[in-house]
Protein backbone atom coordinates (compact mmCIF):
# COMPACT_ATOMS: atom_id res chain seq x y z
CA UNK A 1 99.80 73.99 -10.96
CA UNK A 2 97.22 73.81 -13.64
CA UNK A 3 93.44 72.56 -12.18
CA UNK A 4 90.70 70.47 -14.49
CA UNK A 5 87.41 72.03 -14.73
CA UNK A 6 85.86 69.16 -12.75
CA UNK A 7 88.10 70.96 -9.33
CA UNK A 8 86.29 74.75 -10.33
CA UNK A 9 82.98 73.05 -10.88
CA UNK A 10 83.77 71.13 -7.10
CA UNK A 11 85.38 74.45 -5.40
CA UNK A 12 82.25 76.00 -6.78
CA UNK A 13 79.92 74.54 -5.06
CA UNK A 14 81.05 74.12 -1.82
CA UNK A 15 81.54 77.76 -1.44
CA UNK A 16 77.69 77.79 -2.76
CA UNK A 17 76.59 75.37 -0.14
CA UNK A 18 78.59 76.91 2.08
CA UNK A 19 76.59 80.01 1.43
CA UNK A 20 73.88 78.96 1.48
CA UNK A 21 73.57 76.76 5.09
CA UNK A 22 74.88 80.38 6.17
CA UNK A 23 72.07 81.97 4.52
CA UNK A 24 69.44 79.11 6.15
CA UNK A 25 71.31 79.01 9.66
CA UNK A 26 70.46 83.44 9.78
CA UNK A 27 66.97 82.92 8.69
CA UNK A 28 66.23 80.55 11.04
CA UNK A 29 67.93 82.44 13.74
CA UNK A 30 65.91 85.31 12.76
CA UNK A 31 62.64 83.02 13.27
CA UNK A 32 63.15 81.93 16.39
CA UNK A 33 63.66 85.11 18.09
CA UNK A 34 61.40 86.04 20.07
CA UNK A 35 59.68 89.72 20.44
CA UNK A 36 60.28 91.30 24.54
CA UNK A 37 56.50 92.94 23.83
CA UNK A 38 54.18 90.68 22.08
CA UNK A 39 50.18 90.70 22.26
CA UNK A 40 50.17 87.09 23.42
CA UNK A 41 51.19 88.14 27.16
CA UNK A 42 54.54 86.56 26.75
CA UNK A 43 56.40 89.91 28.16
CA UNK A 44 53.11 91.33 29.54
CA UNK A 45 55.30 90.81 33.41
CA UNK A 46 57.86 93.53 31.86
CA UNK A 47 55.72 95.74 30.20
CA UNK A 48 53.76 96.50 33.83
CA UNK A 49 57.16 96.44 34.88
CA UNK A 50 57.78 99.56 33.04
CA UNK A 51 54.84 101.34 33.17
CA UNK A 52 55.53 101.27 36.65
CA UNK A 53 58.72 102.55 36.47
CA UNK A 54 57.54 105.34 34.76
CA UNK A 55 54.82 105.71 37.52
CA UNK A 56 57.51 105.54 39.67
CA UNK A 57 59.87 108.00 38.09
CA UNK A 58 56.85 110.57 37.88
CA UNK A 59 55.91 110.37 41.86
CA UNK A 60 59.41 111.11 42.63
CA UNK A 61 60.38 114.18 40.50
CA UNK A 62 56.88 116.06 41.55
CA UNK A 63 57.79 115.08 45.40
CA UNK A 64 60.86 116.21 44.87
CA UNK A 65 59.47 119.61 43.04
CA UNK A 66 56.93 120.44 45.44
CA UNK A 67 60.24 120.44 48.45
CA UNK A 68 62.21 122.43 46.25
CA UNK A 69 59.29 124.95 45.35
CA UNK A 70 58.10 124.87 49.64
CA UNK A 71 62.06 125.24 50.48
CA UNK A 72 62.47 128.78 48.23
CA UNK A 73 59.30 129.77 49.74
CA UNK A 74 61.21 129.43 53.13
CA UNK A 75 64.22 131.61 51.86
CA UNK A 76 62.09 133.91 50.91
CA UNK A 77 60.04 134.72 53.61
CA UNK A 78 63.14 134.34 55.09
CA UNK A 79 65.13 136.63 52.81
CA UNK A 80 62.21 139.36 52.81
CA UNK A 81 62.99 138.71 57.41
CA UNK A 82 66.54 139.49 57.44
CA UNK A 83 65.99 142.42 55.06
CA UNK A 84 63.38 143.99 57.12
CA UNK A 85 65.63 144.02 60.33
CA UNK A 86 68.55 144.91 58.50
CA UNK A 87 66.25 148.19 57.87
CA UNK A 88 65.45 148.77 61.33
């Protein structure tokens, strides 16, 4: 099936037009995206929430480390007491 030069040129124009539309659409989508954290107050609430979550995590971690330290010391004292009683 022979194709004319006009048909080939027309197909090439349509193909190139589709590519440019896709490229333009991608560029506008990237331009419309907003960052989650910015310096103008748009994401300040999320930033504050993240900082509070980190501080809460640190506080809980320190609390459980202190509890574990106290339990270990109590266990050591109990073990020493049992050892002294068994020697008598």
